[in-house]
Protein backbone atom coordinates (compact mmCIF):
# COMPACT_ATOMS: atom_id res chain seq x y z
CA MET A 1 0.12 0.08 -0.02
CA LYS A 2 1.19 3.40 -0.67
CA PHE A 3 0.77 6.90 0.91
CA GLN A 4 2.08 9.92 -1.04
CA ASN A 5 4.08 7.45 -3.53
CA THR A 6 5.70 5.86 -0.84
CA TYR A 7 5.40 2.69 0.54
CA ARG A 8 3.87 2.18 4.27
CA ILE A 9 3.20 -0.44 6.89
CA GLU A 10 -0.50 -1.41 7.23
CA THR A 11 -1.62 -0.43 10.72
CA ALA A 12 -2.12 -3.20 13.37
CA ARG A 13 -4.87 -1.49 15.13
CA LEU A 14 -8.45 -2.52 15.00
CA GLN A 15 -10.38 -0.35 12.72
CA ASN A 16 -13.65 -0.40 14.49
CA TRP A 17 -12.22 0.63 17.83
CA ASP A 18 -11.87 3.81 19.81
CA TYR A 19 -8.46 3.45 21.54
CA ALA A 20 -9.59 6.44 24.00
CA SER A 21 -12.50 4.01 25.08
CA HIS A 22 -12.69 2.15 28.35
CA GLY A 23 -11.00 -1.10 28.26
CA LEU A 24 -7.67 -3.15 28.94
CA TYR A 25 -4.51 -2.70 26.47
CA PHE A 26 -1.57 -5.28 25.95
CA VAL A 27 1.11 -3.06 24.39
CA THR A 28 4.67 -4.10 23.48
CA ILE A 29 7.41 -1.66 22.85
CA CYS A 30 10.65 -2.42 21.15
CA THR A 31 13.76 -0.36 21.37
CA LYS A 32 15.53 0.17 18.12
CA ASN A 33 17.28 -2.99 16.33
CA LYS A 34 16.34 -4.65 19.66
CA GLU A 35 19.28 -3.49 21.35
CA ARG A 36 19.36 -4.76 25.20
CA TYR A 37 19.67 -0.90 26.17
CA PHE A 38 17.84 -1.95 29.29
CA GLY A 39 19.74 -4.66 30.90
CA GLU A 40 20.54 -8.25 30.82
CA ILE A 41 18.19 -11.13 32.57
CA LYS A 42 19.92 -13.07 34.95
CA ASN A 43 18.84 -16.58 36.72
CA ALA A 44 18.84 -17.35 39.90
CA VAL A 45 17.28 -20.12 42.54
CA VAL A 46 14.98 -18.96 45.08
CA GLU A 47 14.14 -21.95 47.57
CA THR A 48 14.82 -24.54 44.83
CA HIS A 49 12.43 -22.40 42.26
CA ASN A 50 14.30 -20.85 39.24
CA TYR A 51 13.81 -17.33 38.85
CA ALA A 52 14.99 -14.81 36.24
CA SER A 53 14.89 -11.05 36.52
CA LEU A 54 16.31 -8.24 34.66
CA GLN A 55 19.69 -6.67 36.35
CA PRO A 56 18.82 -3.22 34.88
CA THR A 57 21.05 -0.37 33.14
CA GLU A 58 20.48 2.96 34.03
CA ILE A 59 17.97 3.22 31.32
CA GLY A 60 16.23 0.24 32.08
CA ASN A 61 15.57 1.59 35.83
CA ILE A 62 14.52 4.79 34.31
CA ALA A 63 12.06 2.94 31.56
CA HIS A 64 10.65 1.37 34.72
CA PHE A 65 10.37 4.51 36.76
CA TYR A 66 8.54 6.50 33.89
CA TRP A 67 6.28 3.58 33.30
CA THR A 68 5.09 3.71 36.68
CA GLU A 69 4.53 7.57 36.45
CA ILE A 70 1.94 6.70 33.35
CA PRO A 71 -1.26 7.12 35.72
CA ASN A 72 0.37 10.81 36.99
CA HIS A 73 -0.11 12.21 33.42
CA PHE A 74 -2.71 10.19 32.33
CA PRO A 75 -5.57 9.85 35.65
CA PHE A 76 -7.82 7.34 33.68
CA VAL A 77 -4.96 4.84 33.05
CA GLU A 78 -4.45 2.30 35.76
CA LEU A 79 -1.42 0.15 35.68
CA ASP A 80 -2.09 -3.80 35.45
CA GLU A 81 0.83 -6.40 34.89
CA PHE A 82 4.05 -5.13 33.22
CA ILE A 83 7.66 -5.97 32.86
CA ILE A 84 10.96 -4.32 31.49
CA MET A 85 12.94 -6.67 29.25
CA PRO A 86 16.51 -5.91 27.93
CA ASN A 87 15.10 -4.71 24.75
CA HIS A 88 11.19 -4.37 25.11
CA ILE A 89 8.66 -3.60 27.53
CA HIS A 90 5.30 -5.53 27.89
CA GLY A 91 2.69 -4.03 29.90
CA ILE A 92 -1.11 -4.00 30.18
CA LEU A 93 -2.86 -0.44 30.84
CA PHE A 94 -6.54 -0.14 31.84
CA PHE A 95 -8.30 2.75 30.50
CA ASN A 96 -10.82 3.30 33.48
CA LYS A 97 -13.54 5.44 31.37
CA PRO A 98 -16.68 3.85 32.49
CA ASP A 99 -18.87 6.81 31.27
CA TYR A 100 -16.96 7.47 28.29
CA ARG A 101 -19.37 8.36 25.44
CA GLY A 102 -17.08 9.96 22.85
CA TRP A 103 -16.61 6.87 20.77
CA LYS A 104 -14.76 7.83 17.56
CA LEU A 105 -13.41 4.98 15.34
CA ASN A 106 -9.84 4.75 15.07
CA SER A 107 -7.89 7.13 12.50
CA PHE A 108 -5.14 8.89 11.59
CA GLY A 109 -4.27 12.43 12.95
CA PRO A 110 -3.58 14.02 15.93
CA GLN A 111 -4.03 11.94 19.17
CA SER A 112 -5.55 13.00 22.65
CA GLN A 113 -6.43 11.19 25.52
CA ASN A 114 -5.96 7.60 23.95
CA LEU A 115 -3.54 4.62 23.88
CA ALA A 116 -1.51 6.52 21.38
CA SER A 117 -0.94 9.47 23.29
CA ALA A 118 0.16 7.85 26.42
CA ILE A 119 2.59 5.58 24.73
CA ARG A 120 3.96 8.93 22.92
CA ALA A 121 4.42 10.62 26.27
CA TYR A 122 5.99 7.94 27.86
CA LYS A 123 8.51 6.91 25.02
CA SER A 124 9.21 10.76 24.43
CA THR A 125 10.01 11.00 28.51
CA VAL A 126 12.20 8.12 28.55
CA LYS A 127 14.29 9.32 25.22
CA ARG A 128 14.42 12.83 26.89
CA TYR A 129 16.19 11.23 29.69
CA ALA A 130 18.66 9.42 27.85
CA ASN A 131 19.48 12.58 25.80
CA ALA A 132 19.86 14.73 28.83
CA ASN A 133 22.16 12.24 30.40
CA GLN A 134 24.10 11.52 27.25
CA ILE A 135 22.97 7.85 27.26
CA ASP A 136 23.01 5.93 24.01
CA PHE A 137 19.40 4.72 23.65
CA GLU A 138 16.84 4.33 20.80
CA TRP A 139 13.06 3.50 20.54
CA GLN A 140 11.84 1.42 17.56
CA PRO A 141 9.22 3.81 16.05
CA ARG A 142 5.90 1.69 16.48
CA TYR A 143 4.53 -0.41 19.15
CA TYR A 144 2.36 -3.32 19.33
CA ASP A 145 -0.97 -3.33 21.13
CA HIS A 146 -3.70 -5.54 21.63
CA VAL A 147 -7.31 -4.85 22.85
CA ILE A 148 -7.92 -7.70 25.46
CA GLN A 149 -11.45 -8.38 25.59
CA THR A 150 -12.26 -11.56 27.66
CA GLU A 151 -11.16 -12.51 30.91
CA GLU A 152 -9.46 -15.58 29.74
CA SER A 153 -7.11 -13.46 27.41
CA LEU A 154 -6.10 -11.24 30.23
CA HIS A 155 -5.34 -14.19 32.54
CA THR A 156 -3.10 -15.85 29.67
CA ILE A 157 -1.38 -12.24 28.57
CA ARG A 158 -0.87 -11.61 32.48
CA ASN A 159 0.93 -14.98 32.88
CA TYR A 160 2.95 -14.28 29.52
CA ILE A 161 4.45 -11.11 31.04
CA PHE A 162 5.06 -12.93 34.63
CA ASP A 163 6.93 -15.68 32.56
CA ASN A 164 8.72 -13.77 30.19
CA PRO A 165 12.05 -13.21 32.04
CA ILE A 166 12.47 -17.14 32.53
CA LYS A 167 11.37 -17.79 29.23
CA TRP A 168 14.11 -15.23 27.88
CA PHE A 169 16.80 -16.73 30.14
CA VAL A 170 16.02 -20.31 29.32
CA GLU A 171 15.83 -19.17 25.14
CA THR A 172 18.86 -17.20 25.27
CA HIS A 173 20.93 -19.66 27.40
CA ASN A 174 19.87 -22.70 25.23
CA TYR A 175 20.74 -20.62 21.87
CA ALA A 176 23.93 -19.82 23.48
CA SER A 177 25.18 -23.10 24.46
CA LEU A 178 24.31 -24.40 20.91
CA HIS A 179 26.78 -21.91 19.13
């Protein structure tokens, strides 16, 4: 598909959805070229249970901090499960707008008080901190989102987020041992 004679990537957004409306949104935001700016996953054994967690860099700590600040700038947003990984972030944002009546279909153009504006503000704040502190850091231009529409889906996504560090460690460790 072309826009102004240039090829463009089709949107993955739901065309019949208002991303400012009441609901749960699963978001994945990646770093440019999947660089591991946020840290490394380390493995540990705690009381005979395998456990993996991010050993964050400075920008990893900042990415975590500013994620927790989203509700201070978007009071209708409540944080659910989230995780900072070496090269991406997974998070569930709950837009608590039960009385929302301004339904507008997803469209190109200025975005305000919706998912795109919250993610844009988050990404720009982390990037601004990196620039101000001379930290090498870049975001991938877009982000992935999924509108969570069932309890089963919410449960599955929460588990996916929670298990992400151990899966990363196992996959990375297995890959490294094969090469």
